[in-house]
Amino acid sequence: MNGSSKSVVAIGIFDGVHRGHQKILGRAREIANSLSLPVTALTFHPHPTAILAPEKQPALLLNIHSRVELLEKHGAEDVEVLTFSKEFATLSPNAFIEDILLDLLNAAHVVVGENFSFGARASGTIADIKKYVDAESLPLLADEHGPISSTRIRGHVASAEMESAHSLLGRPHFVQGEVIHGEKRGREIGYPTANLEELKGMAIPPDGIYAGYLCVERDRLPAAISIGTNPTFPPSFPGERPRQVEAYALDRDDLELYGQRVSIEFLSFLRPTIAFPALEPLLEQMAADCAQARELISRVAGELG
């Protein structure tokens, strides 16, 4: 983006683009409409903690591609992704305002959350921005348990509390990646799965079986999802089997997805992963898992209208 046209700028890391982030984008949209201007969402990648304190780097709720897509879905005509580096972290608050908000984005108005800070040692505040351009900070959106935050959502995901994560996100939590070749165990036993590439640094729920969706382009297919190392079968190669995220689209054995990018949405945790003594009890449990997933997905779809 160049600075030739004014815009209303919403600023944040926006990991998850959760309901609190959506409130910021919604307010930016209101102001932009009143001024007949577009909304620009300004975000940062990689996560600042990954640069400033790598040992504390959080698992991400979204990859950068999904973050941009959701920011656009929730009201931004343009998304500016700034590379966060050690050099960028030393930028003074005034330099950030002048170089980024004014010169790069030509901000007419700025909207942030009330906990937003910026510049070297996070010393910049909304008061600094107001010296240059109209700006406002919004109170954090909260529920009965406190402010809605990416940290809270990560906690729910890490505890397999998918419904709670859904409530704070305003959508199911999902992971996204390329479908790769696995050991084809599922195909051999009648449950072909889409195995995702290794999702480094992403917020992945605990090992177990989940009900949810396999999203392929515009299709959202009801699915039973498995996370784990498939302990019933020994690996077909030396060493430990890596942790896998795979989804079986219910009642579908005709999908050819290798090399495609897909999303897997998590609606609900069904059961932990266990090792079965033989194939027959595993097949019986998988049939029960699919039936439970099918019933749950149908019920949730009915509740949503």
Protein backbone atom coordinates (compact mmCIF):
# COMPACT_ATOMS: atom_id res chain seq x y z
CA MET A 1 0.00 0.00 0.00
CA ASN A 2 1.19 3.55 -0.64
CA GLY A 3 0.32 6.70 1.22
CA SER A 4 -1.54 8.39 -1.64
CA SER A 5 -5.03 7.85 -0.15
CA LYS A 6 -6.23 8.21 3.40
CA SER A 7 -7.41 5.22 5.41
CA VAL A 8 -8.71 4.28 8.83
CA VAL A 9 -6.11 2.03 10.43
CA ALA A 10 -6.82 -0.76 12.93
CA ILE A 11 -3.64 -1.99 14.62
CA GLY A 12 -2.89 -5.24 16.41
CA ILE A 13 -1.22 -8.62 16.26
CA PHE A 14 -4.73 -10.02 15.74
CA ASP A 15 -3.76 -13.67 16.34
CA GLY A 16 -7.04 -15.56 16.06
CA VAL A 17 -9.01 -12.52 14.81
CA HIS A 18 -11.26 -13.30 17.78
CA ARG A 19 -14.38 -11.45 18.88
CA GLY A 20 -12.35 -8.74 20.60
CA HIS A 21 -10.37 -8.12 17.42
CA GLN A 22 -13.60 -8.10 15.46
CA LYS A 23 -14.87 -5.31 17.73
CA ILE A 24 -11.82 -3.19 16.81
CA LEU A 25 -12.34 -3.89 13.11
CA GLY A 26 -16.04 -3.12 13.42
CA ARG A 27 -15.36 0.25 15.02
CA ALA A 28 -12.79 1.04 12.33
CA ARG A 29 -15.42 0.14 9.75
CA GLU A 30 -17.95 2.52 11.34
CA ILE A 31 -15.49 5.41 11.27
CA ALA A 32 -14.36 4.59 7.73
CA ASN A 33 -17.96 4.58 6.51
CA SER A 34 -18.57 7.99 8.08
CA LEU A 35 -15.46 9.36 6.36
CA SER A 36 -15.94 7.47 3.07
CA LEU A 37 -12.53 5.85 3.51
CA PRO A 38 -11.22 2.28 3.40
CA VAL A 39 -10.06 0.29 6.43
CA THR A 40 -6.46 -0.90 6.64
CA ALA A 41 -5.55 -3.55 9.21
CA LEU A 42 -1.93 -3.25 10.36
CA THR A 43 -0.46 -6.45 11.78
CA PHE A 44 2.97 -7.93 12.49
CA HIS A 45 4.76 -11.14 11.57
CA PRO A 46 6.42 -13.05 13.09
CA HIS A 47 4.83 -12.69 16.52
CA PRO A 48 6.84 -10.08 18.49
CA THR A 49 7.49 -12.56 21.30
CA ALA A 50 9.26 -14.85 18.82
CA ILE A 51 11.85 -12.09 18.35
CA LEU A 52 12.00 -10.48 21.79
CA ALA A 53 11.64 -13.58 23.99
CA PRO A 54 11.77 -16.75 21.83
CA GLU A 55 11.52 -19.03 24.87
CA LYS A 56 8.07 -17.56 25.57
CA GLN A 57 6.80 -17.69 22.00
CA PRO A 58 3.11 -18.68 22.03
CA ALA A 59 1.55 -21.27 19.77
CA LEU A 60 -0.25 -19.39 17.01
CA LEU A 61 -3.99 -19.63 16.51
CA LEU A 62 -3.64 -18.72 12.82
CA ASN A 63 -0.93 -18.80 10.20
CA ILE A 64 -0.32 -15.43 8.56
CA HIS A 65 -2.31 -16.35 5.44
CA SER A 66 -5.43 -17.21 7.44
CA ARG A 67 -4.97 -14.11 9.60
CA VAL A 68 -5.00 -11.90 6.51
CA GLU A 69 -8.08 -13.68 5.11
CA LEU A 70 -10.03 -13.24 8.34
CA LEU A 71 -9.02 -9.60 8.74
CA GLU A 72 -10.40 -8.99 5.27
CA LYS A 73 -13.54 -10.99 6.07
CA HIS A 74 -14.19 -8.81 9.12
CA GLY A 75 -13.93 -5.44 7.42
CA ALA A 76 -10.44 -4.58 6.19
CA GLU A 77 -10.09 -3.65 2.54
CA ASP A 78 -6.33 -3.86 2.89
CA VAL A 79 -4.00 -5.68 5.27
CA GLU A 80 -0.47 -4.42 5.83
CA VAL A 81 1.85 -7.06 7.31
CA LEU A 82 5.00 -5.57 8.81
CA THR A 83 7.99 -7.80 9.43
CA PHE A 84 8.77 -7.69 13.14
CA SER A 85 12.52 -7.80 13.71
CA LYS A 86 14.98 -6.74 16.38
CA GLU A 87 15.67 -3.62 14.33
CA PHE A 88 11.95 -2.83 14.05
CA ALA A 89 11.60 -3.30 17.82
CA THR A 90 14.04 -0.41 18.41
CA LEU A 91 11.93 2.07 16.44
CA SER A 92 10.91 5.01 18.62
CA PRO A 93 7.19 5.69 19.08
CA ASN A 94 7.49 8.92 17.09
CA ALA A 95 9.30 7.15 14.25
CA PHE A 96 6.62 4.44 14.19
CA ILE A 97 3.89 7.06 13.93
CA GLU A 98 5.66 9.16 11.31
CA ASP A 99 7.14 6.37 9.15
CA ILE A 100 4.39 3.77 9.38
CA LEU A 101 1.09 5.39 10.28
CA LEU A 102 1.55 8.65 8.38
CA ASP A 103 4.02 8.03 5.53
CA LEU A 104 3.19 4.40 4.71
CA LEU A 105 -0.51 4.20 5.57
CA ASN A 106 -1.58 7.86 5.46
CA ALA A 107 -3.83 7.26 8.46
CA ALA A 108 -6.79 9.55 8.91
CA HIS A 109 -7.91 7.79 12.09
CA VAL A 110 -6.42 4.97 14.20
CA VAL A 111 -8.29 2.36 16.25
CA VAL A 112 -6.60 0.05 18.77
CA GLY A 113 -7.45 -1.98 21.86
CA GLU A 114 -6.86 -0.34 25.24
CA ASN A 115 -3.84 -2.58 25.96
CA PHE A 116 -2.01 -1.54 22.76
CA SER A 117 1.54 -0.26 23.06
CA PHE A 118 4.26 0.19 20.47
CA GLY A 119 7.77 1.40 19.75
CA ALA A 120 11.01 0.74 21.60
CA ARG A 121 10.41 -0.93 24.99
CA ALA A 122 6.65 -0.73 24.21
CA SER A 123 6.78 2.87 25.41
CA GLY A 124 4.30 4.32 22.91
CA THR A 125 0.65 4.86 23.86
CA ILE A 126 -2.56 6.07 22.29
CA ALA A 127 -1.75 9.53 23.69
CA ASP A 128 1.34 9.67 21.47
CA ILE A 129 -0.70 8.79 18.38
CA LYS A 130 -3.28 11.47 19.21
CA LYS A 131 -0.56 14.13 18.93
CA TYR A 132 -0.42 13.37 15.19
CA VAL A 133 -3.79 11.97 14.11
CA ASP A 134 -7.28 11.22 15.40
CA ALA A 135 -7.22 7.97 17.35
CA GLU A 136 -9.14 5.96 19.91
CA SER A 137 -8.58 2.92 22.08
CA LEU A 138 -11.47 0.55 22.79
CA PRO A 139 -12.10 -1.25 26.07
CA LEU A 140 -11.30 -4.94 25.76
CA LEU A 141 -14.31 -7.09 25.00
CA ALA A 142 -15.03 -9.31 28.00
CA ASP A 143 -17.32 -12.08 29.15
CA GLU A 144 -18.08 -13.37 32.65
CA HIS A 145 -14.57 -14.83 32.89
CA GLY A 146 -12.69 -11.68 31.92
CA PRO A 147 -11.29 -10.05 28.76
CA ILE A 148 -11.34 -12.11 25.59
CA SER A 149 -7.75 -12.73 24.56
CA SER A 150 -5.64 -14.92 22.34
CA THR A 151 -3.98 -16.26 25.50
CA ARG A 152 -7.30 -17.47 26.92
CA ILE A 153 -8.18 -19.11 23.63
CA ARG A 154 -4.82 -20.89 23.46
CA GLY A 155 -5.54 -22.25 26.93
CA HIS A 156 -8.89 -23.65 25.83
CA VAL A 157 -7.34 -25.23 22.73
CA ALA A 158 -4.55 -26.77 24.82
CA SER A 159 -7.21 -28.30 27.11
CA ALA A 160 -9.37 -29.61 24.22
CA GLU A 161 -12.15 -27.20 25.24
CA MET A 162 -13.17 -26.57 21.67
CA GLU A 163 -16.62 -25.18 22.44
CA SER A 164 -15.10 -22.55 24.75
CA ALA A 165 -12.53 -21.62 22.10
CA HIS A 166 -15.37 -21.36 19.57
CA SER A 167 -17.30 -18.99 21.86
CA LEU A 168 -14.36 -16.58 22.16
CA LEU A 169 -13.29 -16.80 18.52
CA GLY A 170 -16.79 -16.49 17.09
CA ARG A 171 -15.98 -19.53 14.91
CA PRO A 172 -14.44 -22.99 15.33
CA HIS A 173 -10.71 -23.16 15.89
CA PHE A 174 -8.98 -24.55 12.81
CA VAL A 175 -5.59 -25.52 11.48
CA GLN A 176 -4.54 -25.28 7.86
CA GLY A 177 -1.90 -27.03 5.81
CA GLU A 178 -1.01 -29.12 2.79
CA VAL A 179 -2.26 -32.69 2.56
CA ILE A 180 0.68 -35.09 2.44
CA HIS A 181 1.08 -38.83 1.92
CA GLY A 182 0.84 -40.81 5.15
CA GLU A 183 1.14 -44.53 5.79
CA LYS A 184 -2.29 -45.09 4.16
CA ARG A 185 -3.51 -47.12 7.15
CA GLY A 186 -6.87 -45.36 7.04
CA ARG A 187 -7.40 -46.12 3.38
CA GLU A 188 -6.53 -49.79 3.95
CA ILE A 189 -9.19 -50.16 6.66
CA GLY A 190 -11.92 -48.11 4.96
CA TYR A 191 -11.34 -44.70 6.54
CA PRO A 192 -9.15 -42.65 4.16
CA THR A 193 -7.87 -39.55 5.89
CA ALA A 194 -6.35 -36.25 4.84
CA ASN A 195 -3.02 -36.02 6.67
CA LEU A 196 -1.69 -32.50 7.19
CA GLU A 197 1.94 -31.49 6.92
CA GLU A 198 3.78 -30.77 10.16
CA LEU A 199 2.27 -27.62 11.65
CA LYS A 200 5.22 -26.06 13.44
CA GLY A 201 4.39 -23.40 15.99
CA MET A 202 0.62 -23.73 15.62
CA ALA A 203 -1.98 -24.19 18.38
CA ILE A 204 -2.93 -27.86 17.97
CA PRO A 205 -5.39 -29.49 20.39
CA PRO A 206 -4.24 -32.44 22.51
CA ASP A 207 -4.11 -35.98 21.12
CA GLY A 208 -7.55 -37.45 20.69
CA ILE A 209 -10.56 -37.86 18.44
CA TYR A 210 -12.66 -34.81 17.52
CA ALA A 211 -15.79 -33.97 15.59
CA GLY A 212 -15.47 -31.17 13.07
CA TYR A 213 -15.07 -30.31 9.42
CA LEU A 214 -12.61 -30.89 6.62
CA CYS A 215 -12.68 -27.74 4.47
CA VAL A 216 -11.59 -28.17 0.87
CA GLU A 217 -11.88 -25.01 -1.25
CA ARG A 218 -15.57 -24.09 -0.86
CA ASP A 219 -16.69 -27.47 0.53
CA ARG A 220 -17.08 -27.91 4.30
CA LEU A 221 -17.29 -31.64 4.86
CA PRO A 222 -18.38 -33.18 8.20
CA ALA A 223 -15.42 -35.11 9.57
CA ALA A 224 -13.99 -37.24 12.34
CA ILE A 225 -10.53 -35.92 13.23
CA SER A 226 -7.61 -37.74 14.82
CA ILE A 227 -4.59 -36.14 16.47
CA GLY A 228 -1.74 -38.30 17.70
CA THR A 229 0.79 -40.95 16.77
CA ASN A 230 -1.59 -43.80 15.87
CA PRO A 231 -0.42 -46.06 18.72
CA THR A 232 -2.35 -49.15 17.57
CA PHE A 233 0.00 -49.71 14.64
CA PRO A 234 3.81 -49.77 14.73
CA PRO A 235 5.38 -47.19 12.39
CA SER A 236 6.34 -48.45 8.94
CA PHE A 237 9.74 -46.74 9.23
CA PRO A 238 12.53 -46.68 11.85
CA GLY A 239 12.14 -44.34 14.79
CA GLU A 240 9.13 -42.68 16.38
CA ARG A 241 6.11 -41.72 14.33
CA PRO A 242 5.55 -37.93 14.29
CA ARG A 243 2.39 -36.47 15.74
CA GLN A 244 -0.26 -36.33 13.01
CA VAL A 245 -3.39 -34.27 12.40
CA GLU A 246 -5.70 -36.11 10.02
CA ALA A 247 -9.38 -35.91 9.11
CA TYR A 248 -11.78 -38.46 7.65
CA ALA A 249 -14.62 -36.84 5.71
CA LEU A 250 -17.63 -38.85 6.87
CA ASP A 251 -18.91 -41.33 4.28
CA ARG A 252 -16.46 -40.12 1.63
CA ASP A 253 -13.85 -42.36 0.02
CA ASP A 254 -13.58 -40.51 -3.29
CA LEU A 255 -11.43 -37.52 -2.28
CA GLU A 256 -8.00 -37.03 -3.84
CA LEU A 257 -6.43 -34.23 -1.82
CA TYR A 258 -2.68 -34.78 -1.96
CA GLY A 259 -0.86 -31.50 -2.47
CA GLN A 260 -3.94 -29.38 -1.74
CA ARG A 261 -4.20 -26.88 1.11
CA VAL A 262 -7.12 -27.68 3.38
CA SER A 263 -8.43 -26.55 6.75
CA ILE A 264 -9.55 -28.78 9.62
CA GLU A 265 -12.09 -27.24 12.02
CA PHE A 266 -12.60 -28.60 15.53
CA LEU A 267 -16.09 -28.59 16.99
CA SER A 268 -15.83 -30.95 19.94
CA PHE A 269 -13.50 -33.41 21.69
CA LEU A 270 -14.87 -36.95 21.60
CA ARG A 271 -12.32 -39.14 23.36
CA PRO A 272 -8.60 -39.54 24.07
CA THR A 273 -6.32 -41.55 21.78
CA ILE A 274 -5.77 -45.13 22.96
CA ALA A 275 -3.95 -48.18 21.64
CA PHE A 276 -6.20 -51.10 20.69
CA PRO A 277 -5.13 -54.74 21.08
CA ALA A 278 -6.24 -55.67 17.56
CA LEU A 279 -7.82 -54.29 14.40
CA GLU A 280 -11.40 -55.42 15.12
CA PRO A 281 -11.94 -53.38 18.31
CA LEU A 282 -10.33 -50.40 16.59
CA LEU A 283 -12.79 -50.66 13.69
CA GLU A 284 -15.71 -50.93 16.10
CA GLN A 285 -14.56 -47.81 17.94
CA MET A 286 -13.98 -45.90 14.70
CA ALA A 287 -17.52 -46.69 13.58
CA ALA A 288 -18.79 -45.44 16.94
CA ASP A 289 -16.60 -42.30 16.67
CA CYS A 290 -17.99 -41.53 13.22
CA ALA A 291 -21.56 -42.03 14.40
CA GLN A 292 -20.97 -39.74 17.39
CA ALA A 293 -19.29 -37.11 15.20
CA ARG A 294 -22.12 -37.27 12.68
CA GLU A 295 -24.76 -36.81 15.39
CA LEU A 296 -22.90 -33.95 17.07
CA ILE A 297 -22.26 -32.08 13.82
CA SER A 298 -25.91 -32.47 12.82
CA ARG A 299 -27.07 -31.19 16.22
CA VAL A 300 -24.74 -28.18 16.14
CA ALA A 301 -25.82 -27.34 12.59
CA GLY A 302 -29.45 -27.49 13.72
CA GLU A 303 -28.78 -25.20 16.69
CA LEU A 304 -27.16 -22.67 14.37
CA GLY A 305 -30.21 -22.72 12.14
